[in-house]
Amino acid sequence: MIYKFKSKAAGDVIMLGANGDQVLALIGKDRTPQGIIEPQQMAPAIAALMAAVVADDAARTAAAQADDATGKPEGISLRQRAWPLVEMMRRALAENQPIVWG
């Protein structure tokens, strides 16, 4: 499945299924084909995503240091995957607009 997040406050954000599932789970939303994030839910959702990003960064750094002398983690991080949606939520919250997906 592909998730397409939309809001009047920002451009669309598209995520592949597994990444969208992960982000929705982190913000406490059901992984359904359609849904909505209301403005009052955005501040806690942003905080949850940022906490998960910090934890993911720490785990990736520790794994990279254990596996490789270069200390550079491989692959795309949660920070990179979640950042567009976090920015969308910040803009939508500032304009009191919901975000829908489907």
PDB file of N, CA and C in Angstrom:
ATOM      1  N   MET A   1       0.837  -1.166   0.000  1.00  0.00           N
ATOM      2  CA  MET A   1       0.000   0.000   0.000  1.00  0.00           C
ATOM      3  C   MET A   1       0.891   1.242   0.000  1.00  0.00           C
ATOM      4  N   ILE A   2       0.395   2.286  -0.605  1.00  0.00           N
ATOM      5  CA  ILE A   2       1.076   3.577  -0.600  1.00  0.00           C
ATOM      6  C   ILE A   2       0.196   4.557   0.165  1.00  0.00           C
ATOM      7  N   TYR A   3       0.810   5.308   1.059  1.00  0.00           N
ATOM      8  CA  TYR A   3       0.095   6.332   1.812  1.00  0.00           C
ATOM      9  C   TYR A   3       0.344   7.687   1.174  1.00  0.00           C
ATOM     10  N   LYS A   4      -0.723   8.431   0.965  1.00  0.00           N
ATOM     11  CA  LYS A   4      -0.603   9.798   0.463  1.00  0.00           C
ATOM     12  C   LYS A   4      -1.241  10.716   1.502  1.00  0.00           C
ATOM     13  N   PHE A   5      -0.407  11.439   2.221  1.00  0.00           N
ATOM     14  CA  PHE A   5      -0.855  12.368   3.249  1.00  0.00           C
ATOM     15  C   PHE A   5      -1.114  13.719   2.589  1.00  0.00           C
ATOM     16  N   LYS A   6      -2.284  14.314   2.899  1.00  0.00           N
ATOM     17  CA  LYS A   6      -2.674  15.575   2.273  1.00  0.00           C
ATOM     18  C   LYS A   6      -3.136  16.562   3.340  1.00  0.00           C
ATOM     19  N   SER A   7      -2.833  17.835   3.095  1.00  0.00           N
ATOM     20  CA  SER A   7      -3.315  18.907   3.946  1.00  0.00           C
ATOM     21  C   SER A   7      -3.370  20.183   3.129  1.00  0.00           C
ATOM     22  N   LYS A   8      -4.293  21.060   3.485  1.00  0.00           N
ATOM     23  CA  LYS A   8      -4.369  22.359   2.812  1.00  0.00           C
ATOM     24  C   LYS A   8      -3.185  23.251   3.186  1.00  0.00           C
ATOM     25  N   ALA A   9      -2.478  22.880   4.246  1.00  0.00           N
ATOM     26  CA  ALA A   9      -1.375  23.696   4.751  1.00  0.00           C
ATOM     27  C   ALA A   9      -0.027  23.375   4.110  1.00  0.00           C
ATOM     28  N   ALA A  10       0.065  22.258   3.377  1.00  0.00           N
ATOM     29  CA  ALA A  10       1.368  21.840   2.835  1.00  0.00           C
ATOM     30  C   ALA A  10       1.156  20.955   1.615  1.00  0.00           C
ATOM     31  N   GLY A  11       2.241  20.719   0.899  1.00  0.00           N
ATOM     32  CA  GLY A  11       2.195  19.796  -0.221  1.00  0.00           C
ATOM     33  C   GLY A  11       2.019  18.366   0.266  1.00  0.00           C
ATOM     34  N   ASP A  12       1.651  17.491  -0.646  1.00  0.00           N
ATOM     35  CA  ASP A  12       1.419  16.089  -0.302  1.00  0.00           C
ATOM     36  C   ASP A  12       2.719  15.384   0.102  1.00  0.00           C
ATOM     37  N   VAL A  13       2.584  14.403   0.981  1.00  0.00           N
ATOM     38  CA  VAL A  13       3.696  13.538   1.385  1.00  0.00           C
ATOM     39  C   VAL A  13       3.286  12.110   1.042  1.00  0.00           C
ATOM     40  N   ILE A  14       4.133  11.420   0.302  1.00  0.00           N
ATOM     41  CA  ILE A  14       3.844  10.046  -0.094  1.00  0.00           C
ATOM     42  C   ILE A  14       4.853   9.117   0.563  1.00  0.00           C
ATOM     43  N   MET A  15       4.338   8.026   1.149  1.00  0.00           N
ATOM     44  CA  MET A  15       5.195   7.018   1.791  1.00  0.00           C
ATOM     45  C   MET A  15       4.791   5.638   1.324  1.00  0.00           C
ATOM     46  N   LEU A  16       5.779   4.785   1.163  1.00  0.00           N
ATOM     47  CA  LEU A  16       5.497   3.390   0.861  1.00  0.00           C
ATOM     48  C   LEU A  16       4.884   2.721   2.079  1.00  0.00           C
ATOM     49  N   GLY A  17       4.211   1.618   1.872  1.00  0.00           N
ATOM     50  CA  GLY A  17       3.433   0.947   2.899  1.00  0.00           C
ATOM     51  C   GLY A  17       4.134   0.721   4.217  1.00  0.00           C
ATOM     52  N   ALA A  18       5.283   0.067   4.201  1.00  0.00           N
ATOM     53  CA  ALA A  18       5.972  -0.262   5.452  1.00  0.00           C
ATOM     54  C   ALA A  18       6.370   0.997   6.222  1.00  0.00           C
ATOM     55  N   ASN A  19       6.824   2.010   5.504  1.00  0.00           N
ATOM     56  CA  ASN A  19       7.231   3.260   6.160  1.00  0.00           C
ATOM     57  C   ASN A  19       6.019   3.999   6.719  1.00  0.00           C
ATOM     58  N   GLY A  20       4.951   4.047   5.954  1.00  0.00           N
ATOM     59  CA  GLY A  20       3.721   4.664   6.432  1.00  0.00           C
ATOM     60  C   GLY A  20       3.155   3.933   7.628  1.00  0.00           C
ATOM     61  N   ASP A  21       3.184   2.595   7.580  1.00  0.00           N
ATOM     62  CA  ASP A  21       2.727   1.791   8.716  1.00  0.00           C
ATOM     63  C   ASP A  21       3.514   2.129   9.977  1.00  0.00           C
ATOM     64  N   GLN A  22       4.828   2.219   9.832  1.00  0.00           N
ATOM     65  CA  GLN A  22       5.688   2.508  10.977  1.00  0.00           C
ATOM     66  C   GLN A  22       5.370   3.876  11.571  1.00  0.00           C
ATOM     67  N   VAL A  23       5.248   4.877  10.732  1.00  0.00           N
ATOM     68  CA  VAL A  23       4.983   6.233  11.215  1.00  0.00           C
ATOM     69  C   VAL A  23       3.611   6.316  11.879  1.00  0.00           C
ATOM     70  N   LEU A  24       2.612   5.697  11.263  1.00  0.00           N
ATOM     71  CA  LEU A  24       1.278   5.723  11.858  1.00  0.00           C
ATOM     72  C   LEU A  24       1.265   5.016  13.215  1.00  0.00           C
ATOM     73  N   ALA A  25       1.960   3.904  13.311  1.00  0.00           N
ATOM     74  CA  ALA A  25       2.034   3.195  14.593  1.00  0.00           C
ATOM     75  C   ALA A  25       2.708   4.068  15.651  1.00  0.00           C
ATOM     76  N   LEU A  26       3.749   4.781  15.268  1.00  0.00           N
ATOM     77  CA  LEU A  26       4.468   5.629  16.219  1.00  0.00           C
ATOM     78  C   LEU A  26       3.609   6.771  16.746  1.00  0.00           C
ATOM     79  N   ILE A  27       2.688   7.268  15.926  1.00  0.00           N
ATOM     80  CA  ILE A  27       1.841   8.378  16.386  1.00  0.00           C
ATOM     81  C   ILE A  27       0.509   7.888  16.953  1.00  0.00           C
ATOM     82  N   GLY A  28       0.360   6.562  17.043  1.00  0.00           N
ATOM     83  CA  GLY A  28      -0.824   5.997  17.674  1.00  0.00           C
ATOM     84  C   GLY A  28      -2.058   5.925  16.792  1.00  0.00           C
ATOM     85  N   LYS A  29      -1.854   5.915  15.491  1.00  0.00           N
ATOM     86  CA  LYS A  29      -2.966   5.814  14.551  1.00  0.00           C
ATOM     87  C   LYS A  29      -3.049   4.401  13.993  1.00  0.00           C
ATOM     88  N   ASP A  30      -4.267   3.971  13.687  1.00  0.00           N
ATOM     89  CA  ASP A  30      -4.458   2.674  13.050  1.00  0.00           C
ATOM     90  C   ASP A  30      -3.916   2.722  11.628  1.00  0.00           C
ATOM     91  N   ARG A  31      -3.343   1.624  11.220  1.00  0.00           N
ATOM     92  CA  ARG A  31      -2.780   1.533   9.866  1.00  0.00           C
ATOM     93  C   ARG A  31      -3.892   1.121   8.908  1.00  0.00           C
ATOM     94  N   THR A  32      -4.718   2.092   8.570  1.00  0.00           N
ATOM     95  CA  THR A  32      -5.860   1.865   7.711  1.00  0.00           C
ATOM     96  C   THR A  32      -5.650   2.568   6.370  1.00  0.00           C
ATOM     97  N   PRO A  33      -6.380   2.172   5.347  1.00  0.00           N
ATOM     98  CA  PRO A  33      -6.222   2.815   4.041  1.00  0.00           C
ATOM     99  C   PRO A  33      -6.581   4.299   4.032  1.00  0.00           C
ATOM    100  N   GLN A  34      -7.449   4.718   4.966  1.00  0.00           N
ATOM    101  CA  GLN A  34      -7.833   6.123   5.053  1.00  0.00           C
ATOM    102  C   GLN A  34      -7.867   6.552   6.512  1.00  0.00           C
ATOM    103  N   GLY A  35      -7.559   7.817   6.742  1.00  0.00           N
ATOM    104  CA  GLY A  35      -7.600   8.309   8.105  1.00  0.00           C
ATOM    105  C   GLY A  35      -7.364   9.802   8.160  1.00  0.00           C
ATOM    106  N   ILE A  36      -7.363  10.312   9.385  1.00  0.00           N
ATOM    107  CA  ILE A  36      -7.196  11.749   9.595  1.00  0.00           C
ATOM    108  C   ILE A  36      -6.382  11.992  10.860  1.00  0.00           C
ATOM    109  N   ILE A  37      -5.577  13.024  10.805  1.00  0.00           N
ATOM    110  CA  ILE A  37      -4.865  13.517  11.988  1.00  0.00           C
ATOM    111  C   ILE A  37      -5.425  14.916  12.230  1.00  0.00           C
ATOM    112  N   GLU A  38      -6.131  15.075  13.325  1.00  0.00           N
ATOM    113  CA  GLU A  38      -6.730  16.363  13.667  1.00  0.00           C
ATOM    114  C   GLU A  38      -5.656  17.287  14.244  1.00  0.00           C
ATOM    115  N   PRO A  39      -5.831  18.604  14.105  1.00  0.00           N
ATOM    116  CA  PRO A  39      -4.829  19.541  14.625  1.00  0.00           C
ATOM    117  C   PRO A  39      -4.476  19.325  16.100  1.00  0.00           C
ATOM    118  N   GLN A  40      -5.461  18.991  16.943  1.00  0.00           N
ATOM    119  CA  GLN A  40      -5.173  18.798  18.366  1.00  0.00           C
ATOM    120  C   GLN A  40      -4.343  17.540  18.623  1.00  0.00           C
ATOM    121  N   GLN A  41      -4.249  16.646  17.651  1.00  0.00           N
ATOM    122  CA  GLN A  41      -3.447  15.426  17.782  1.00  0.00           C
ATOM    123  C   GLN A  41      -2.009  15.613  17.289  1.00  0.00           C
ATOM    124  N   MET A  42      -1.737  16.729  16.642  1.00  0.00           N
ATOM    125  CA  MET A  42      -0.445  16.899  15.972  1.00  0.00           C
ATOM    126  C   MET A  42       0.727  17.141  16.911  1.00  0.00           C
ATOM    127  N   ALA A  43       0.556  17.957  17.938  1.00  0.00           N
ATOM    128  CA  ALA A  43       1.675  18.214  18.862  1.00  0.00           C
ATOM    129  C   ALA A  43       2.150  16.918  19.520  1.00  0.00           C
ATOM    130  N   PRO A  44       1.246  16.087  20.070  1.00  0.00           N
ATOM    131  CA  PRO A  44       1.709  14.810  20.625  1.00  0.00           C
ATOM    132  C   PRO A  44       2.302  13.883  19.558  1.00  0.00           C
ATOM    133  N   ALA A  45       1.758  13.936  18.347  1.00  0.00           N
ATOM    134  CA  ALA A  45       2.280  13.093  17.273  1.00  0.00           C
ATOM    135  C   ALA A  45       3.699  13.520  16.884  1.00  0.00           C
ATOM    136  N   ILE A  46       3.923  14.812  16.806  1.00  0.00           N
ATOM    137  CA  ILE A  46       5.268  15.322  16.497  1.00  0.00           C
ATOM    138  C   ILE A  46       6.238  14.910  17.592  1.00  0.00           C
ATOM    139  N   ALA A  47       5.829  15.057  18.850  1.00  0.00           N
ATOM    140  CA  ALA A  47       6.693  14.676  19.969  1.00  0.00           C
ATOM    141  C   ALA A  47       7.015  13.185  19.928  1.00  0.00           C
ATOM    142  N   ALA A  48       6.024  12.354  19.615  1.00  0.00           N
ATOM    143  CA  ALA A  48       6.251  10.901  19.539  1.00  0.00           C
ATOM    144  C   ALA A  48       7.214  10.557  18.413  1.00  0.00           C
ATOM    145  N   LEU A  49       7.041  11.195  17.263  1.00  0.00           N
ATOM    146  CA  LEU A  49       7.950  10.927  16.147  1.00  0.00           C
ATOM    147  C   LEU A  49       9.366  11.386  16.465  1.00  0.00           C
ATOM    148  N   MET A  50       9.511  12.547  17.072  1.00  0.00           N
ATOM    149  CA  MET A  50      10.846  13.043  17.383  1.00  0.00           C
ATOM    150  C   MET A  50      11.528  12.169  18.437  1.00  0.00           C
ATOM    151  N   ALA A  51      10.786  11.656  19.399  1.00  0.00           N
ATOM    152  CA  ALA A  51      11.363  10.740  20.383  1.00  0.00           C
ATOM    153  C   ALA A  51      11.818   9.448  19.707  1.00  0.00           C
ATOM    154  N   ALA A  52      11.020   8.940  18.776  1.00  0.00           N
ATOM    155  CA  ALA A  52      11.399   7.732  18.041  1.00  0.00           C
ATOM    156  C   ALA A  52      12.613   7.980  17.157  1.00  0.00           C
ATOM    157  N   VAL A  53      12.700   9.169  16.584  1.00  0.00           N
ATOM    158  CA  VAL A  53      13.849   9.523  15.745  1.00  0.00           C
ATOM    159  C   VAL A  53      15.133   9.546  16.574  1.00  0.00           C
ATOM    160  N   VAL A  54      15.061  10.147  17.761  1.00  0.00           N
ATOM    161  CA  VAL A  54      16.236  10.201  18.645  1.00  0.00           C
ATOM    162  C   VAL A  54      16.676   8.790  19.024  1.00  0.00           C
ATOM    163  N   ALA A  55      15.727   7.937  19.365  1.00  0.00           N
ATOM    164  CA  ALA A  55      16.054   6.552  19.729  1.00  0.00           C
ATOM    165  C   ALA A  55      16.640   5.802  18.537  1.00  0.00           C
ATOM    166  N   ASP A  56      16.070   6.010  17.367  1.00  0.00           N
ATOM    167  CA  ASP A  56      16.575   5.353  16.157  1.00  0.00           C
ATOM    168  C   ASP A  56      17.987   5.836  15.826  1.00  0.00           C
ATOM    169  N   ASP A  57      18.230   7.141  15.944  1.00  0.00           N
ATOM    170  CA  ASP A  57      19.572   7.681  15.684  1.00  0.00           C
ATOM    171  C   ASP A  57      20.602   7.058  16.618  1.00  0.00           C
ATOM    172  N   ALA A  58      20.253   6.943  17.892  1.00  0.00           N
ATOM    173  CA  ALA A  58      21.172   6.358  18.866  1.00  0.00           C
ATOM    174  C   ALA A  58      21.443   4.889  18.556  1.00  0.00           C
ATOM    175  N   ALA A  59      20.407   4.152  18.205  1.00  0.00           N
ATOM    176  CA  ALA A  59      20.576   2.730  17.872  1.00  0.00           C
ATOM    177  C   ALA A  59      21.409   2.558  16.611  1.00  0.00           C
ATOM    178  N   ARG A  60      21.187   3.398  15.622  1.00  0.00           N
ATOM    179  CA  ARG A  60      21.949   3.306  14.364  1.00  0.00           C
ATOM    180  C   ARG A  60      23.425   3.647  14.593  1.00  0.00           C
ATOM    181  N   THR A  61      23.669   4.650  15.417  1.00  0.00           N
ATOM    182  CA  THR A  61      25.052   5.034  15.715  1.00  0.00           C
ATOM    183  C   THR A  61      25.766   3.921  16.468  1.00  0.00           C
ATOM    184  N   ALA A  62      25.099   3.357  17.455  1.00  0.00           N
ATOM    185  CA  ALA A  62      25.697   2.264  18.225  1.00  0.00           C
ATOM    186  C   ALA A  62      25.962   1.049  17.338  1.00  0.00           C
ATOM    187  N   ALA A  63      25.029   0.728  16.463  1.00  0.00           N
ATOM    188  CA  ALA A  63      25.200  -0.418  15.567  1.00  0.00           C
ATOM    189  C   ALA A  63      26.333  -0.170  14.580  1.00  0.00           C
ATOM    190  N   ALA A  64      26.423   1.051  14.089  1.00  0.00           N
ATOM    191  CA  ALA A  64      27.478   1.375  13.128  1.00  0.00           C
ATOM    192  C   ALA A  64      28.847   1.316  13.790  1.00  0.00           C
ATOM    193  N   GLN A  65      28.945   1.786  15.013  1.00  0.00           N
ATOM    194  CA  GLN A  65      30.225   1.753  15.713  1.00  0.00           C
ATOM    195  C   GLN A  65      30.636   0.331  16.045  1.00  0.00           C
ATOM    196  N   ALA A  66      29.676  -0.512  16.313  1.00  0.00           N
ATOM    197  CA  ALA A  66      29.980  -1.904  16.624  1.00  0.00           C
ATOM    198  C   ALA A  66      30.370  -2.686  15.372  1.00  0.00           C
ATOM    199  N   ASP A  67      29.755  -2.347  14.235  1.00  0.00           N
ATOM    200  CA  ASP A  67      29.961  -3.106  13.004  1.00  0.00           C
ATOM    201  C   ASP A  67      31.065  -2.573  12.104  1.00  0.00           C
ATOM    202  N   ASP A  68      31.325  -1.288  12.201  1.00  0.00           N
ATOM    203  CA  ASP A  68      32.184  -0.680  11.189  1.00  0.00           C
ATOM    204  C   ASP A  68      33.043   0.412  11.832  1.00  0.00           C
ATOM    205  N   ALA A  69      34.281   0.441  11.487  1.00  0.00           N
ATOM    206  CA  ALA A  69      35.190   1.444  12.039  1.00  0.00           C
ATOM    207  C   ALA A  69      34.868   2.851  11.535  1.00  0.00           C
ATOM    208  N   THR A  70      34.126   2.969  10.422  1.00  0.00           N
ATOM    209  CA  THR A  70      33.809   4.295   9.895  1.00  0.00           C
ATOM    210  C   THR A  70      32.746   5.004  10.717  1.00  0.00           C
ATOM    211  N   GLY A  71      31.902   4.267  11.407  1.00  0.00           N
ATOM    212  CA  GLY A  71      30.866   4.870  12.228  1.00  0.00           C
ATOM    213  C   GLY A  71      29.732   5.485  11.450  1.00  0.00           C
ATOM    214  N   LYS A  72      29.610   5.142  10.167  1.00  0.00           N
ATOM    215  CA  LYS A  72      28.546   5.692   9.338  1.00  0.00           C
ATOM    216  C   LYS A  72      27.446   4.648   9.160  1.00  0.00           C
ATOM    217  N   PRO A  73      26.242   4.936   9.671  1.00  0.00           N
ATOM    218  CA  PRO A  73      25.148   3.977   9.490  1.00  0.00           C
ATOM    219  C   PRO A  73      24.728   3.885   8.027  1.00  0.00           C
ATOM    220  N   GLU A  74      24.259   2.715   7.643  1.00  0.00           N
ATOM    221  CA  GLU A  74      23.823   2.505   6.268  1.00  0.00           C
ATOM    222  C   GLU A  74      22.314   2.596   6.174  1.00  0.00           C
ATOM    223  N   GLY A  75      21.821   2.845   4.993  1.00  0.00           N
ATOM    224  CA  GLY A  75      20.383   2.880   4.765  1.00  0.00           C
ATOM    225  C   GLY A  75      19.771   4.212   5.135  1.00  0.00           C
ATOM    226  N   ILE A  76      18.484   4.276   4.949  1.00  0.00           N
ATOM    227  CA  ILE A  76      17.741   5.502   5.224  1.00  0.00           C
ATOM    228  C   ILE A  76      17.207   5.448   6.645  1.00  0.00           C
ATOM    229  N   SER A  77      17.426   6.500   7.374  1.00  0.00           N
ATOM    230  CA  SER A  77      17.034   6.532   8.787  1.00  0.00           C
ATOM    231  C   SER A  77      15.568   6.932   8.951  1.00  0.00           C
ATOM    232  N   LEU A  78      15.058   6.681  10.139  1.00  0.00           N
ATOM    233  CA  LEU A  78      13.708   7.119  10.469  1.00  0.00           C
ATOM    234  C   LEU A  78      13.610   8.635  10.364  1.00  0.00           C
ATOM    235  N   ARG A  79      14.667   9.321  10.750  1.00  0.00           N
ATOM    236  CA  ARG A  79      14.696  10.790  10.655  1.00  0.00           C
ATOM    237  C   ARG A  79      14.410  11.239   9.224  1.00  0.00           C
ATOM    238  N   GLN A  80      15.075  10.608   8.264  1.00  0.00           N
ATOM    239  CA  GLN A  80      14.886  10.979   6.864  1.00  0.00           C
ATOM    240  C   GLN A  80      13.485  10.620   6.369  1.00  0.00           C
ATOM    241  N   ARG A  81      12.965   9.502   6.823  1.00  0.00           N
ATOM    242  CA  ARG A  81      11.644   9.066   6.370  1.00  0.00           C
ATOM    243  C   ARG A  81      10.519   9.887   6.996  1.00  0.00           C
ATOM    244  N   ALA A  82      10.667  10.248   8.263  1.00  0.00           N
ATOM    245  CA  ALA A  82       9.593  10.931   8.992  1.00  0.00           C
ATOM    246  C   ALA A  82       9.605  12.446   8.813  1.00  0.00           C
ATOM    247  N   TRP A  83      10.756  13.008   8.462  1.00  0.00           N
ATOM    248  CA  TRP A  83      10.890  14.466   8.427  1.00  0.00           C
ATOM    249  C   TRP A  83       9.837  15.166   7.568  1.00  0.00           C
ATOM    250  N   PRO A  84       9.539  14.705   6.348  1.00  0.00           N
ATOM    251  CA  PRO A  84       8.510  15.397   5.562  1.00  0.00           C
ATOM    252  C   PRO A  84       7.144  15.430   6.256  1.00  0.00           C
ATOM    253  N   LEU A  85       6.781  14.350   6.918  1.00  0.00           N
ATOM    254  CA  LEU A  85       5.492  14.319   7.615  1.00  0.00           C
ATOM    255  C   LEU A  85       5.526  15.211   8.855  1.00  0.00           C
ATOM    256  N   VAL A  86       6.646  15.247   9.554  1.00  0.00           N
ATOM    257  CA  VAL A  86       6.778  16.139  10.714  1.00  0.00           C
ATOM    258  C   VAL A  86       6.616  17.593  10.268  1.00  0.00           C
ATOM    259  N   GLU A  87       7.267  17.947   9.184  1.00  0.00           N
ATOM    260  CA  GLU A  87       7.143  19.319   8.669  1.00  0.00           C
ATOM    261  C   GLU A  87       5.713  19.611   8.241  1.00  0.00           C
ATOM    262  N   MET A  88       5.056  18.644   7.610  1.00  0.00           N
ATOM    263  CA  MET A  88       3.658  18.816   7.227  1.00  0.00           C
ATOM    264  C   MET A  88       2.796  19.036   8.463  1.00  0.00           C
ATOM    265  N   MET A  89       3.029  18.248   9.509  1.00  0.00           N
ATOM    266  CA  MET A  89       2.249  18.407  10.738  1.00  0.00           C
ATOM    267  C   MET A  89       2.485  19.771  11.375  1.00  0.00           C
ATOM    268  N   ARG A  90       3.708  20.248  11.363  1.00  0.00           N
ATOM    269  CA  ARG A  90       4.002  21.575  11.932  1.00  0.00           C
ATOM    270  C   ARG A  90       3.255  22.666  11.176  1.00  0.00           C
ATOM    271  N   ARG A  91       3.265  22.583   9.859  1.00  0.00           N
ATOM    272  CA  ARG A  91       2.564  23.587   9.055  1.00  0.00           C
ATOM    273  C   ARG A  91       1.051  23.477   9.249  1.00  0.00           C
ATOM    274  N   ALA A  92       0.545  22.260   9.247  1.00  0.00           N
ATOM    275  CA  ALA A  92      -0.892  22.057   9.417  1.00  0.00           C
ATOM    276  C   ALA A  92      -1.344  22.531  10.800  1.00  0.00           C
ATOM    277  N   LEU A  93      -0.544  22.271  11.816  1.00  0.00           N
ATOM    278  CA  LEU A  93      -0.868  22.716  13.168  1.00  0.00           C
ATOM    279  C   LEU A  93      -0.902  24.244  13.227  1.00  0.00           C
ATOM    280  N   ALA A  94       0.075  24.887  12.602  1.00  0.00           N
ATOM    281  CA  ALA A  94       0.133  26.349  12.597  1.00  0.00           C
ATOM    282  C   ALA A  94      -1.088  26.961  11.912  1.00  0.00           C
ATOM    283  N   GLU A  95      -1.628  26.267  10.914  1.00  0.00           N
ATOM    284  CA  GLU A  95      -2.793  26.771  10.184  1.00  0.00           C
ATOM    285  C   GLU A  95      -4.100  26.117  10.633  1.00  0.00           C
ATOM    286  N   ASN A  96      -4.014  25.285  11.687  1.00  0.00           N
ATOM    287  CA  ASN A  96      -5.182  24.591  12.232  1.00  0.00           C
ATOM    288  C   ASN A  96      -5.928  23.786  11.157  1.00  0.00           C
ATOM    289  N   GLN A  97      -5.165  23.065  10.353  1.00  0.00           N
ATOM    290  CA  GLN A  97      -5.715  22.241   9.282  1.00  0.00           C
ATOM    291  C   GLN A  97      -5.458  20.768   9.572  1.00  0.00           C
ATOM    292  N   PRO A  98      -6.400  19.895   9.257  1.00  0.00           N
ATOM    293  CA  PRO A  98      -6.170  18.465   9.453  1.00  0.00           C
ATOM    294  C   PRO A  98      -5.281  17.896   8.347  1.00  0.00           C
ATOM    295  N   ILE A  99      -4.771  16.711   8.602  1.00  0.00           N
ATOM    296  CA  ILE A  99      -4.043  15.939   7.587  1.00  0.00           C
ATOM    297  C   ILE A  99      -4.858  14.661   7.365  1.00  0.00           C
ATOM    298  N   VAL A 100      -5.100  14.338   6.117  1.00  0.00           N
ATOM    299  CA  VAL A 100      -5.819  13.115   5.798  1.00  0.00           C
ATOM    300  C   VAL A 100      -4.910  12.231   4.960  1.00  0.00           C
ATOM    301  N   TRP A 101      -5.181  10.942   4.990  1.00  0.00           N
ATOM    302  CA  TRP A 101      -4.472  10.032   4.083  1.00  0.00           C
ATOM    303  C   TRP A 101      -5.477   9.085   3.462  1.00  0.00           C
ATOM    304  N   GLY A 102      -5.100   8.583   2.334  1.00  0.00           N
ATOM    305  CA  GLY A 102      -5.972   7.647   1.636  1.00  0.00           C
ATOM    306  C   GLY A 102      -5.694   7.611   0.162  1.00  0.00           C
TER     307      GLY A 102
END
